[in-house]
């Protein structure tokens, strides 16, 4: 279990390196939700997502010999970019396993930061086995996208800052993929605001964490297409799930159409560009997946890495989006 002190130590490492992203407010959003809403705009973080926090904390925490071997991971995009930049800032090489259907903009950005990219099929390949094989074959140090206490603590600094800058919270909405962001955020939020309810948000077709909480153990679900590629996983992390089980009150789900509505709202009303996964927590609030009326409500907008063509394609019409 990570604790608040782990998150605070991560914050010290990130000080002056990561952006202290703004806390955004909107009277229109407050009126629509019937709540006092504080949005943590991690789409404005370095590499365009919260993932830089955990990746930098992890690389900075490695022993010199571990860093010297170079680092590697498997990621659909944001952790890939984050780890590559963190490695570059420490002067070490990065190798990234990326799904064949990862957004082209994320692949290009990862390569642009200097990574060697190796592609794999997310629907048939076991990413954990691929990472283990890569570590054995090449000798690199694996930095897991979420199942790493250093990653979890780094991601938790987003909630730490949100509460420091925006005030105490009654409820915090957090997107859920493998669980790194929500486990770190729940650790910070429940320690600083003991009465705060932390609620995770998953795509409807990828509700592995919701099902796992209901079962009391990790449950795997088939990986299915969704526009929220950053949340397209089959089960929660081995290390993240115990934290989620202890500190997260509930997990709700949103449809692709609801995510697109949230992306459109953020662009038109807040002047913020969000990728689908980055908009899922906002989608839960806008579609009333929980009752936030009268509550001090925090929402983590986890990323904004979507290219112009894809953003226009998703938000232009009102029909169900293509995957």
C-alpha atoms as a PDB file:
ATOM      1  CA  UNK A   1       0.000   0.000   0.000  1.00  0.00           C
ATOM      2  CA  UNK A   2       1.275   3.449  -0.871  1.00  0.00           C
ATOM      3  CA  UNK A   3       0.579   6.228   1.636  1.00  0.00           C
ATOM      4  CA  UNK A   4       0.282  10.013   1.587  1.00  0.00           C
ATOM      5  CA  UNK A   5       3.999  10.408   2.375  1.00  0.00           C
ATOM      6  CA  UNK A   6       4.861   8.490  -0.823  1.00  0.00           C
ATOM      7  CA  UNK A   7       2.763  10.952  -2.819  1.00  0.00           C
ATOM      8  CA  UNK A   8       4.386  13.898  -1.072  1.00  0.00           C
ATOM      9  CA  UNK A   9       7.885  12.551  -1.819  1.00  0.00           C
ATOM     10  CA  UNK A  10       6.872  12.188  -5.470  1.00  0.00           C
ATOM     11  CA  UNK A  11       5.656  15.790  -5.435  1.00  0.00           C
ATOM     12  CA  UNK A  12       9.067  16.913  -4.205  1.00  0.00           C
ATOM     13  CA  UNK A  13      10.797  15.078  -7.081  1.00  0.00           C
ATOM     14  CA  UNK A  14       8.374  16.601  -9.586  1.00  0.00           C
ATOM     15  CA  UNK A  15       8.676  20.145  -8.244  1.00  0.00           C
ATOM     16  CA  UNK A  16       9.989  22.380 -11.019  1.00  0.00           C
ATOM     17  CA  UNK A  17       9.862  19.536 -13.571  1.00  0.00           C
ATOM     18  CA  UNK A  18       6.160  18.742 -14.023  1.00  0.00           C
ATOM     19  CA  UNK A  19       3.668  21.510 -14.697  1.00  0.00           C
ATOM     20  CA  UNK A  20       1.435  22.502 -11.820  1.00  0.00           C
ATOM     21  CA  UNK A  21      -1.642  22.303 -14.010  1.00  0.00           C
ATOM     22  CA  UNK A  22      -4.512  24.731 -13.399  1.00  0.00           C
ATOM     23  CA  UNK A  23      -7.710  24.037 -11.502  1.00  0.00           C
ATOM     24  CA  UNK A  24     -10.480  25.122 -13.872  1.00  0.00           C
ATOM     25  CA  UNK A  25     -13.958  26.243 -12.816  1.00  0.00           C
ATOM     26  CA  UNK A  26     -17.119  26.876 -14.815  1.00  0.00           C
ATOM     27  CA  UNK A  27     -20.356  28.489 -13.649  1.00  0.00           C
ATOM     28  CA  UNK A  28     -22.191  26.687 -16.436  1.00  0.00           C
ATOM     29  CA  UNK A  29     -20.856  23.327 -15.249  1.00  0.00           C
ATOM     30  CA  UNK A  30     -21.686  24.120 -11.623  1.00  0.00           C
ATOM     31  CA  UNK A  31     -25.262  24.946 -12.587  1.00  0.00           C
ATOM     32  CA  UNK A  32     -25.657  21.860 -14.730  1.00  0.00           C
ATOM     33  CA  UNK A  33     -24.263  19.517 -12.052  1.00  0.00           C
ATOM     34  CA  UNK A  34     -25.795  21.385  -9.114  1.00  0.00           C
ATOM     35  CA  UNK A  35     -22.366  21.216  -7.521  1.00  0.00           C
ATOM     36  CA  UNK A  36     -19.209  23.219  -6.906  1.00  0.00           C
ATOM     37  CA  UNK A  37     -16.892  21.651  -9.476  1.00  0.00           C
ATOM     38  CA  UNK A  38     -13.105  21.844  -9.660  1.00  0.00           C
ATOM     39  CA  UNK A  39     -11.454  20.418 -12.776  1.00  0.00           C
ATOM     40  CA  UNK A  40      -7.788  19.367 -12.695  1.00  0.00           C
ATOM     41  CA  UNK A  41      -6.589  20.055 -16.258  1.00  0.00           C
ATOM     42  CA  UNK A  42      -3.975  17.343 -16.778  1.00  0.00           C
ATOM     43  CA  UNK A  43      -4.413  17.739 -20.532  1.00  0.00           C
ATOM     44  CA  UNK A  44      -2.081  20.708 -20.000  1.00  0.00           C
ATOM     45  CA  UNK A  45       0.591  18.564 -18.326  1.00  0.00           C
ATOM     46  CA  UNK A  46       3.894  17.798 -20.076  1.00  0.00           C
ATOM     47  CA  UNK A  47       3.293  15.287 -22.909  1.00  0.00           C
ATOM     48  CA  UNK A  48      -0.395  16.233 -22.636  1.00  0.00           C
ATOM     49  CA  UNK A  49      -1.407  13.864 -19.840  1.00  0.00           C
ATOM     50  CA  UNK A  50      -1.040  13.014 -16.156  1.00  0.00           C
ATOM     51  CA  UNK A  51       1.242  10.106 -17.067  1.00  0.00           C
ATOM     52  CA  UNK A  52       4.351  12.312 -16.941  1.00  0.00           C
ATOM     53  CA  UNK A  53       3.974  12.537 -13.167  1.00  0.00           C
ATOM     54  CA  UNK A  54       4.319   8.819 -12.526  1.00  0.00           C
ATOM     55  CA  UNK A  55       6.889   8.159 -15.232  1.00  0.00           C
ATOM     56  CA  UNK A  56       9.238  10.874 -14.036  1.00  0.00           C
ATOM     57  CA  UNK A  57       8.875   9.813 -10.402  1.00  0.00           C
ATOM     58  CA  UNK A  58       9.639   6.202 -11.350  1.00  0.00           C
ATOM     59  CA  UNK A  59      12.733   6.996 -13.430  1.00  0.00           C
ATOM     60  CA  UNK A  60      14.009   9.462 -10.824  1.00  0.00           C
ATOM     61  CA  UNK A  61      13.612   6.750  -8.161  1.00  0.00           C
ATOM     62  CA  UNK A  62      15.646   4.102 -10.045  1.00  0.00           C
ATOM     63  CA  UNK A  63      19.124   3.193  -8.913  1.00  0.00           C
ATOM     64  CA  UNK A  64      21.842   4.504 -11.283  1.00  0.00           C
ATOM     65  CA  UNK A  65      22.595   0.968 -12.495  1.00  0.00           C
ATOM     66  CA  UNK A  66      18.920   0.386 -13.340  1.00  0.00           C
ATOM     67  CA  UNK A  67      18.703   3.640 -15.290  1.00  0.00           C
ATOM     68  CA  UNK A  68      21.936   2.875 -17.152  1.00  0.00           C
ATOM     69  CA  UNK A  69      20.374  -0.244 -18.703  1.00  0.00           C
ATOM     70  CA  UNK A  70      17.663   1.885 -20.289  1.00  0.00           C
ATOM     71  CA  UNK A  71      13.933   1.670 -19.609  1.00  0.00           C
ATOM     72  CA  UNK A  72      11.033   0.010 -21.397  1.00  0.00           C
ATOM     73  CA  UNK A  73       7.277  -0.384 -21.132  1.00  0.00           C
ATOM     74  CA  UNK A  74       4.099  -1.348 -22.999  1.00  0.00           C
ATOM     75  CA  UNK A  75       1.632   1.475 -23.584  1.00  0.00           C
ATOM     76  CA  UNK A  76      -1.022   2.685 -25.996  1.00  0.00           C
ATOM     77  CA  UNK A  77       0.451   6.146 -25.951  1.00  0.00           C
ATOM     78  CA  UNK A  78       0.473   8.483 -22.981  1.00  0.00           C
ATOM     79  CA  UNK A  79       2.698   6.411 -20.677  1.00  0.00           C
ATOM     80  CA  UNK A  80       4.874   5.712 -23.713  1.00  0.00           C
ATOM     81  CA  UNK A  81       5.420   9.414 -24.296  1.00  0.00           C
ATOM     82  CA  UNK A  82       5.807  10.115 -20.582  1.00  0.00           C
ATOM     83  CA  UNK A  83       8.410   7.423 -19.993  1.00  0.00           C
ATOM     84  CA  UNK A  84      10.341   8.396 -23.105  1.00  0.00           C
ATOM     85  CA  UNK A  85      10.510  12.039 -22.018  1.00  0.00           C
ATOM     86  CA  UNK A  86      11.401  11.090 -18.441  1.00  0.00           C
ATOM     87  CA  UNK A  87      14.160   8.837 -19.767  1.00  0.00           C
ATOM     88  CA  UNK A  88      15.453  11.569 -22.054  1.00  0.00           C
ATOM     89  CA  UNK A  89      15.570  14.031 -19.158  1.00  0.00           C
ATOM     90  CA  UNK A  90      17.730  11.494 -17.310  1.00  0.00           C
ATOM     91  CA  UNK A  91      19.906  10.751 -20.361  1.00  0.00           C
ATOM     92  CA  UNK A  92      18.833   7.110 -20.836  1.00  0.00           C
ATOM     93  CA  UNK A  93      17.285   5.270 -23.821  1.00  0.00           C
ATOM     94  CA  UNK A  94      13.673   4.040 -23.913  1.00  0.00           C
ATOM     95  CA  UNK A  95      12.057   1.110 -25.746  1.00  0.00           C
ATOM     96  CA  UNK A  96       8.268   1.137 -26.038  1.00  0.00           C
ATOM     97  CA  UNK A  97       5.890  -1.694 -26.933  1.00  0.00           C
ATOM     98  CA  UNK A  98       2.839  -0.059 -28.551  1.00  0.00           C
ATOM     99  CA  UNK A  99      -0.414  -1.657 -29.801  1.00  0.00           C
ATOM    100  CA  UNK A 100      -0.778  -1.772 -33.565  1.00  0.00           C
ATOM    101  CA  UNK A 101      -4.008   0.240 -33.303  1.00  0.00           C
ATOM    102  CA  UNK A 102      -2.562   2.951 -31.046  1.00  0.00           C
ATOM    103  CA  UNK A 103      -3.459   6.442 -32.317  1.00  0.00           C
ATOM    104  CA  UNK A 104      -0.975   7.555 -34.956  1.00  0.00           C
ATOM    105  CA  UNK A 105      -0.466  10.885 -33.195  1.00  0.00           C
ATOM    106  CA  UNK A 106       0.660   9.098 -30.021  1.00  0.00           C
ATOM    107  CA  UNK A 107       3.036   6.825 -31.923  1.00  0.00           C
ATOM    108  CA  UNK A 108       4.549   9.800 -33.729  1.00  0.00           C
ATOM    109  CA  UNK A 109       4.929  11.754 -30.496  1.00  0.00           C
ATOM    110  CA  UNK A 110       6.591   8.809 -28.755  1.00  0.00           C
ATOM    111  CA  UNK A 111       9.071   8.399 -31.588  1.00  0.00           C
ATOM    112  CA  UNK A 112       9.566  12.152 -31.609  1.00  0.00           C
ATOM    113  CA  UNK A 113      10.710  12.039 -27.983  1.00  0.00           C
ATOM    114  CA  UNK A 114      13.364   9.520 -29.053  1.00  0.00           C
ATOM    115  CA  UNK A 115      11.955   6.080 -28.251  1.00  0.00           C
ATOM    116  CA  UNK A 116      12.473   2.856 -30.161  1.00  0.00           C
ATOM    117  CA  UNK A 117       8.902   1.658 -30.817  1.00  0.00           C
ATOM    118  CA  UNK A 118       7.955  -2.029 -31.189  1.00  0.00           C
ATOM    119  CA  UNK A 119       4.359  -2.804 -32.216  1.00  0.00           C
ATOM    120  CA  UNK A 120       2.061  -5.604 -30.909  1.00  0.00           C
ATOM    121  CA  UNK A 121      -1.580  -6.737 -31.240  1.00  0.00           C
ATOM    122  CA  UNK A 122      -3.428  -5.749 -28.033  1.00  0.00           C
ATOM    123  CA  UNK A 123      -6.284  -8.179 -28.754  1.00  0.00           C
ATOM    124  CA  UNK A 124      -4.163 -11.345 -28.999  1.00  0.00           C
ATOM    125  CA  UNK A 125      -0.835 -10.641 -27.303  1.00  0.00           C
ATOM    126  CA  UNK A 126      -0.087 -10.732 -23.558  1.00  0.00           C
ATOM    127  CA  UNK A 127       1.588  -7.395 -22.853  1.00  0.00           C
ATOM    128  CA  UNK A 128       2.950  -8.572 -19.503  1.00  0.00           C
ATOM    129  CA  UNK A 129       4.670 -11.522 -21.184  1.00  0.00           C
ATOM    130  CA  UNK A 130       6.016  -9.267 -23.925  1.00  0.00           C
ATOM    131  CA  UNK A 131       7.535  -6.903 -21.368  1.00  0.00           C
ATOM    132  CA  UNK A 132       9.091  -9.779 -19.429  1.00  0.00           C
ATOM    133  CA  UNK A 133      10.582 -11.224 -22.615  1.00  0.00           C
ATOM    134  CA  UNK A 134      11.986  -7.834 -23.597  1.00  0.00           C
ATOM    135  CA  UNK A 135      13.607  -7.379 -20.188  1.00  0.00           C
ATOM    136  CA  UNK A 136      15.190 -10.820 -20.380  1.00  0.00           C
ATOM    137  CA  UNK A 137      16.365 -10.435 -23.980  1.00  0.00           C
ATOM    138  CA  UNK A 138      17.693  -6.878 -23.885  1.00  0.00           C
ATOM    139  CA  UNK A 139      18.303  -6.331 -20.164  1.00  0.00           C
ATOM    140  CA  UNK A 140      16.266  -3.133 -19.911  1.00  0.00           C
ATOM    141  CA  UNK A 141      14.515  -1.949 -16.747  1.00  0.00           C
ATOM    142  CA  UNK A 142      10.738  -2.290 -17.059  1.00  0.00           C
ATOM    143  CA  UNK A 143       8.655   0.654 -15.836  1.00  0.00           C
ATOM    144  CA  UNK A 144       5.101  -0.644 -15.771  1.00  0.00           C
ATOM    145  CA  UNK A 145       2.378   1.794 -16.919  1.00  0.00           C
ATOM    146  CA  UNK A 146       0.448   1.479 -13.645  1.00  0.00           C
ATOM    147  CA  UNK A 147       1.430  -1.541 -11.531  1.00  0.00           C
ATOM    148  CA  UNK A 148       4.341   0.166  -9.807  1.00  0.00           C
ATOM    149  CA  UNK A 149       4.208   1.991  -6.477  1.00  0.00           C
ATOM    150  CA  UNK A 150       6.423   4.791  -7.837  1.00  0.00           C
ATOM    151  CA  UNK A 151       4.006   5.298 -10.731  1.00  0.00           C
ATOM    152  CA  UNK A 152       1.001   5.275  -8.393  1.00  0.00           C
ATOM    153  CA  UNK A 153       2.582   7.805  -6.045  1.00  0.00           C
ATOM    154  CA  UNK A 154       3.529  10.091  -8.920  1.00  0.00           C
ATOM    155  CA  UNK A 155       0.033  10.038 -10.385  1.00  0.00           C
ATOM    156  CA  UNK A 156      -1.393  10.850  -6.959  1.00  0.00           C
ATOM    157  CA  UNK A 157       0.266  14.264  -7.073  1.00  0.00           C
ATOM    158  CA  UNK A 158      -2.529  15.413  -9.408  1.00  0.00           C
ATOM    159  CA  UNK A 159      -5.095  15.002  -6.610  1.00  0.00           C
ATOM    160  CA  UNK A 160      -2.631  16.424  -4.076  1.00  0.00           C
ATOM    161  CA  UNK A 161      -2.411  19.636  -6.117  1.00  0.00           C
ATOM    162  CA  UNK A 162      -6.147  19.728  -6.834  1.00  0.00           C
ATOM    163  CA  UNK A 163      -6.966  19.769  -3.128  1.00  0.00           C
ATOM    164  CA  UNK A 164      -4.158  22.200  -2.279  1.00  0.00           C
ATOM    165  CA  UNK A 165      -5.238  24.669  -4.976  1.00  0.00           C
ATOM    166  CA  UNK A 166      -8.995  24.060  -5.142  1.00  0.00           C
ATOM    167  CA  UNK A 167      -9.899  23.240  -1.563  1.00  0.00           C
ATOM    168  CA  UNK A 168     -11.357  20.227   0.219  1.00  0.00           C
ATOM    169  CA  UNK A 169     -13.578  17.804  -1.689  1.00  0.00           C
ATOM    170  CA  UNK A 170     -16.661  15.750  -0.927  1.00  0.00           C
ATOM    171  CA  UNK A 171     -16.274  13.602  -4.049  1.00  0.00           C
ATOM    172  CA  UNK A 172     -13.484  13.056  -6.580  1.00  0.00           C
ATOM    173  CA  UNK A 173     -14.103  11.588 -10.038  1.00  0.00           C
ATOM    174  CA  UNK A 174     -11.130   9.839 -11.629  1.00  0.00           C
ATOM    175  CA  UNK A 175     -10.747   7.925 -14.925  1.00  0.00           C
ATOM    176  CA  UNK A 176      -9.741   4.280 -14.448  1.00  0.00           C
ATOM    177  CA  UNK A 177      -7.533   2.208 -16.738  1.00  0.00           C
ATOM    178  CA  UNK A 178      -5.048  -0.022 -14.971  1.00  0.00           C
ATOM    179  CA  UNK A 179      -5.557   1.922 -11.770  1.00  0.00           C
ATOM    180  CA  UNK A 180      -2.388   3.961 -11.309  1.00  0.00           C
ATOM    181  CA  UNK A 181      -4.105   7.353 -11.369  1.00  0.00           C
ATOM    182  CA  UNK A 182      -7.042   6.406  -9.171  1.00  0.00           C
ATOM    183  CA  UNK A 183      -4.965   4.495  -6.610  1.00  0.00           C
ATOM    184  CA  UNK A 184      -2.586   7.435  -6.179  1.00  0.00           C
ATOM    185  CA  UNK A 185      -5.394   9.984  -6.249  1.00  0.00           C
ATOM    186  CA  UNK A 186      -7.496   8.028  -3.749  1.00  0.00           C
ATOM    187  CA  UNK A 187      -4.510   7.754  -1.440  1.00  0.00           C
ATOM    188  CA  UNK A 188      -4.038  11.531  -1.450  1.00  0.00           C
ATOM    189  CA  UNK A 189      -7.729  12.448  -1.364  1.00  0.00           C
ATOM    190  CA  UNK A 190      -8.834  10.128   1.431  1.00  0.00           C
ATOM    191  CA  UNK A 191      -5.844  11.111   3.590  1.00  0.00           C
ATOM    192  CA  UNK A 192      -6.386  14.847   3.135  1.00  0.00           C
ATOM    193  CA  UNK A 193     -10.207  14.751   3.108  1.00  0.00           C
ATOM    194  CA  UNK A 194     -11.275  11.706   5.163  1.00  0.00           C
ATOM    195  CA  UNK A 195     -14.946  12.073   4.189  1.00  0.00           C
ATOM    196  CA  UNK A 196     -14.202  12.354   0.445  1.00  0.00           C
ATOM    197  CA  UNK A 197     -15.757   9.676  -1.768  1.00  0.00           C
ATOM    198  CA  UNK A 198     -13.479   8.664  -4.642  1.00  0.00           C
ATOM    199  CA  UNK A 199     -15.405   7.399  -7.662  1.00  0.00           C
ATOM    200  CA  UNK A 200     -13.740   5.755 -10.628  1.00  0.00           C
ATOM    201  CA  UNK A 201     -15.024   6.020 -14.198  1.00  0.00           C
ATOM    202  CA  UNK A 202     -14.608   3.322 -16.863  1.00  0.00           C
ATOM    203  CA  UNK A 203     -15.939   2.792 -20.411  1.00  0.00           C
ATOM    204  CA  UNK A 204     -19.061   0.627 -20.501  1.00  0.00           C
ATOM    205  CA  UNK A 205     -17.296  -2.058 -22.541  1.00  0.00           C
ATOM    206  CA  UNK A 206     -14.243  -2.117 -20.246  1.00  0.00           C
ATOM    207  CA  UNK A 207     -15.657  -2.289 -16.721  1.00  0.00           C
ATOM    208  CA  UNK A 208     -13.062  -4.667 -15.291  1.00  0.00           C
ATOM    209  CA  UNK A 209     -12.486  -2.580 -12.152  1.00  0.00           C
ATOM    210  CA  UNK A 210     -16.213  -2.203 -11.445  1.00  0.00           C
ATOM    211  CA  UNK A 211     -16.691  -5.950 -11.799  1.00  0.00           C
ATOM    212  CA  UNK A 212     -13.602  -6.650  -9.702  1.00  0.00           C
ATOM    213  CA  UNK A 213     -14.859  -4.489  -6.845  1.00  0.00           C
ATOM    214  CA  UNK A 214     -18.200  -6.289  -6.955  1.00  0.00           C
ATOM    215  CA  UNK A 215     -16.452  -9.677  -6.875  1.00  0.00           C
ATOM    216  CA  UNK A 216     -13.896  -8.702  -4.233  1.00  0.00           C
ATOM    217  CA  UNK A 217     -11.054  -9.893  -6.458  1.00  0.00           C
ATOM    218  CA  UNK A 218      -9.531  -9.046  -9.813  1.00  0.00           C
ATOM    219  CA  UNK A 219     -11.804 -10.048 -12.682  1.00  0.00           C
ATOM    220  CA  UNK A 220     -10.715 -10.122 -16.319  1.00  0.00           C
ATOM    221  CA  UNK A 221     -12.995  -8.946 -19.130  1.00  0.00           C
ATOM    222  CA  UNK A 222     -12.479  -9.270 -22.891  1.00  0.00           C
ATOM    223  CA  UNK A 223     -10.756  -6.242 -24.411  1.00  0.00           C
ATOM    224  CA  UNK A 224     -13.345  -4.624 -26.665  1.00  0.00           C
ATOM    225  CA  UNK A 225     -13.200  -1.610 -28.989  1.00  0.00           C
ATOM    226  CA  UNK A 226     -13.867   1.785 -27.416  1.00  0.00           C
ATOM    227  CA  UNK A 227     -12.800   5.296 -28.302  1.00  0.00           C
ATOM    228  CA  UNK A 228     -11.230   5.505 -24.805  1.00  0.00           C
ATOM    229  CA  UNK A 229      -8.065   3.623 -25.815  1.00  0.00           C
ATOM    230  CA  UNK A 230      -6.223   4.694 -22.672  1.00  0.00           C
ATOM    231  CA  UNK A 231      -8.718   2.696 -20.594  1.00  0.00           C
ATOM    232  CA  UNK A 232      -8.788  -0.385 -22.809  1.00  0.00           C
ATOM    233  CA  UNK A 233      -7.502  -3.028 -20.367  1.00  0.00           C
ATOM    234  CA  UNK A 234      -8.689  -6.466 -19.335  1.00  0.00           C
ATOM    235  CA  UNK A 235      -8.202  -6.290 -15.544  1.00  0.00           C
ATOM    236  CA  UNK A 236      -6.966  -4.009 -12.775  1.00  0.00           C
ATOM    237  CA  UNK A 237      -3.340  -4.093 -11.703  1.00  0.00           C
ATOM    238  CA  UNK A 238      -2.109  -6.538  -9.091  1.00  0.00           C
ATOM    239  CA  UNK A 239      -0.704  -3.679  -6.990  1.00  0.00           C
ATOM    240  CA  UNK A 240      -3.325  -1.062  -7.781  1.00  0.00           C
ATOM    241  CA  UNK A 241      -6.382  -3.180  -6.997  1.00  0.00           C
ATOM    242  CA  UNK A 242      -5.816  -3.532  -3.234  1.00  0.00           C
ATOM    243  CA  UNK A 243      -5.545   0.265  -2.981  1.00  0.00           C
ATOM    244  CA  UNK A 244      -8.687   0.720  -5.069  1.00  0.00           C
ATOM    245  CA  UNK A 245     -10.582  -1.836  -2.981  1.00  0.00           C
ATOM    246  CA  UNK A 246      -9.679  -0.024   0.236  1.00  0.00           C
ATOM    247  CA  UNK A 247      -9.952   3.628  -0.831  1.00  0.00           C
ATOM    248  CA  UNK A 248     -12.367   3.875  -3.787  1.00  0.00           C
ATOM    249  CA  UNK A 249     -16.075   4.089  -2.978  1.00  0.00           C
ATOM    250  CA  UNK A 250     -17.497   3.064  -6.343  1.00  0.00           C
ATOM    251  CA  UNK A 251     -16.884   2.773 -10.066  1.00  0.00           C
ATOM    252  CA  UNK A 252     -19.380   3.973 -12.669  1.00  0.00           C
ATOM    253  CA  UNK A 253     -19.352   3.534 -16.425  1.00  0.00           C
ATOM    254  CA  UNK A 254     -19.905   5.836 -19.402  1.00  0.00           C
ATOM    255  CA  UNK A 255     -20.679   5.143 -23.040  1.00  0.00           C
ATOM    256  CA  UNK A 256     -18.605   6.316 -25.980  1.00  0.00           C
ATOM    257  CA  UNK A 257     -21.414   8.722 -26.899  1.00  0.00           C
ATOM    258  CA  UNK A 258     -21.361  10.230 -23.392  1.00  0.00           C
ATOM    259  CA  UNK A 259     -17.592  10.643 -23.620  1.00  0.00           C
ATOM    260  CA  UNK A 260     -17.964  12.486 -26.915  1.00  0.00           C
ATOM    261  CA  UNK A 261     -20.569  14.787 -25.356  1.00  0.00           C
ATOM    262  CA  UNK A 262     -18.075  15.598 -22.605  1.00  0.00           C
ATOM    263  CA  UNK A 263     -15.309  16.283 -25.135  1.00  0.00           C
ATOM    264  CA  UNK A 264     -17.658  18.643 -26.951  1.00  0.00           C
ATOM    265  CA  UNK A 265     -18.682  20.389 -23.708  1.00  0.00           C
ATOM    266  CA  UNK A 266     -15.043  20.858 -22.665  1.00  0.00           C
ATOM    267  CA  UNK A 267     -14.152  22.340 -26.047  1.00  0.00           C
ATOM    268  CA  UNK A 268     -17.157  24.624 -26.419  1.00  0.00           C
ATOM    269  CA  UNK A 269     -17.641  25.746 -22.800  1.00  0.00           C
ATOM    270  CA  UNK A 270     -14.233  25.360 -21.167  1.00  0.00           C
ATOM    271  CA  UNK A 271     -11.978  25.880 -24.212  1.00  0.00           C
ATOM    272  CA  UNK A 272     -10.143  22.663 -23.359  1.00  0.00           C
ATOM    273  CA  UNK A 273      -9.228  19.848 -25.760  1.00  0.00           C
ATOM    274  CA  UNK A 274      -9.614  16.403 -24.189  1.00  0.00           C
ATOM    275  CA  UNK A 275      -8.911  12.965 -25.577  1.00  0.00           C
ATOM    276  CA  UNK A 276     -11.654  10.364 -24.986  1.00  0.00           C
ATOM    277  CA  UNK A 277     -10.064   8.791 -21.892  1.00  0.00           C
ATOM    278  CA  UNK A 278      -9.301  12.264 -20.573  1.00  0.00           C
ATOM    279  CA  UNK A 279     -12.977  13.185 -20.769  1.00  0.00           C
ATOM    280  CA  UNK A 280     -14.489  10.088 -19.162  1.00  0.00           C
ATOM    281  CA  UNK A 281     -14.674  11.443 -15.605  1.00  0.00           C
ATOM    282  CA  UNK A 282     -16.290  14.647 -16.855  1.00  0.00           C
ATOM    283  CA  UNK A 283     -18.701  12.478 -18.864  1.00  0.00           C
ATOM    284  CA  UNK A 284     -19.816  10.738 -15.681  1.00  0.00           C
ATOM    285  CA  UNK A 285     -20.597  14.083 -14.050  1.00  0.00           C
ATOM    286  CA  UNK A 286     -22.406  15.504 -17.082  1.00  0.00           C
ATOM    287  CA  UNK A 287     -24.496  12.347 -17.560  1.00  0.00           C
ATOM    288  CA  UNK A 288     -25.395  12.214 -13.844  1.00  0.00           C
ATOM    289  CA  UNK A 289     -23.866   8.809 -13.178  1.00  0.00           C
ATOM    290  CA  UNK A 290     -23.666   9.897  -9.549  1.00  0.00           C
ATOM    291  CA  UNK A 291     -25.551  12.461  -7.494  1.00  0.00           C
ATOM    292  CA  UNK A 292     -23.134  15.367  -6.941  1.00  0.00           C
ATOM    293  CA  UNK A 293     -25.790  17.948  -6.037  1.00  0.00           C
ATOM    294  CA  UNK A 294     -24.557  20.289  -3.343  1.00  0.00           C
ATOM    295  CA  UNK A 295     -21.153  18.629  -3.171  1.00  0.00           C
ATOM    296  CA  UNK A 296     -17.645  19.977  -3.609  1.00  0.00           C
ATOM    297  CA  UNK A 297     -16.716  17.881  -6.622  1.00  0.00           C
ATOM    298  CA  UNK A 298     -13.274  17.310  -8.100  1.00  0.00           C
ATOM    299  CA  UNK A 299     -12.798  15.910 -11.604  1.00  0.00           C
ATOM    300  CA  UNK A 300      -9.478  14.859 -13.108  1.00  0.00           C
ATOM    301  CA  UNK A 301      -9.273  15.608 -16.822  1.00  0.00           C
ATOM    302  CA  UNK A 302      -6.532  13.098 -17.449  1.00  0.00           C
ATOM    303  CA  UNK A 303      -5.267  13.937 -20.946  1.00  0.00           C
ATOM    304  CA  UNK A 304      -5.632  15.769 -24.220  1.00  0.00           C
ATOM    305  CA  UNK A 305      -3.642  13.756 -26.751  1.00  0.00           C
ATOM    306  CA  UNK A 306      -5.980  13.607 -29.722  1.00  0.00           C
ATOM    307  CA  UNK A 307      -5.133  14.833 -33.197  1.00  0.00           C
ATOM    308  CA  UNK A 308      -7.218  17.369 -35.105  1.00  0.00           C
ATOM    309  CA  UNK A 309      -8.666  14.877 -37.563  1.00  0.00           C
ATOM    310  CA  UNK A 310      -9.786  12.456 -34.852  1.00  0.00           C
ATOM    311  CA  UNK A 311     -11.162  15.212 -32.629  1.00  0.00           C
ATOM    312  CA  UNK A 312     -13.188  16.642 -35.501  1.00  0.00           C
ATOM    313  CA  UNK A 313     -14.390  13.176 -36.510  1.00  0.00           C
ATOM    314  CA  UNK A 314     -15.631  12.414 -33.006  1.00  0.00           C
ATOM    315  CA  UNK A 315     -17.210  15.748 -32.101  1.00  0.00           C
ATOM    316  CA  UNK A 316     -18.636  16.948 -35.410  1.00  0.00           C
ATOM    317  CA  UNK A 317     -21.939  15.055 -35.329  1.00  0.00           C
ATOM    318  CA  UNK A 318     -24.393  13.774 -32.806  1.00  0.00           C
ATOM    319  CA  UNK A 319     -24.405  10.089 -33.824  1.00  0.00           C
ATOM    320  CA  UNK A 320     -22.695   7.186 -32.108  1.00  0.00           C
ATOM    321  CA  UNK A 321     -18.939   7.524 -32.787  1.00  0.00           C
ATOM    322  CA  UNK A 322     -16.966   4.991 -34.786  1.00  0.00           C
ATOM    323  CA  UNK A 323     -14.239   3.155 -32.947  1.00  0.00           C
END
